[in-house]
């Protein structure tokens, strides 16, 4: 086994996978593996006690190639296109999540932003900015689509705050938001 080949590997020991490890060769030629970081003194195993597996590889998000056409949403909410040239403008759009492979993807995202902002602005105008997340006793209400019932509904959360959800101060406010923006939500769901 070539030690250089181990840089793309993780160590598995006792059913647990470790990304960080250190290899130590003792004077008598025995190879030891120290697992984890900051705990090297305690988690020491002989080479025969561990296995090596390939590190998990994840796909990178799509990014246009040089001169490739991409789509973005302009300040008026309109979908535009441009060619990628690695300019600051291109990179800024990409880093803000405003760089799409197709016009349809950009149009869907524009509609998602519109609906999110309608709901967020309504929530904020009706106490949403004052929701106390440190109070685990108060329910915080949000809208969701129930695929089994095939309809939008309201649910409540006490202390888990999901990323990207709009929360409402009361169930009554959430019901009014659903009534007011049901058409916009339905258009979004159908895409």
Foldseek 3Di string as FASTA:
>chain_A
DDPVVQLQKWKAAPRDTANDWDWDQDPVRWIWIQGDPPRRVPRIDTPVRIDIDGDDDDDDDDADDAQQKWWFQDPVLDIDIDGDHPDPVRVVCVVVVGTHPDSVVRNLVSLVVVLLVLLQVLQVVQCQVPDDLVQQVAWWKFWDADPVVRAIDMDTHRHDDDPPTRTHRDPVSRVVSCVVCVVSVVVSVVD
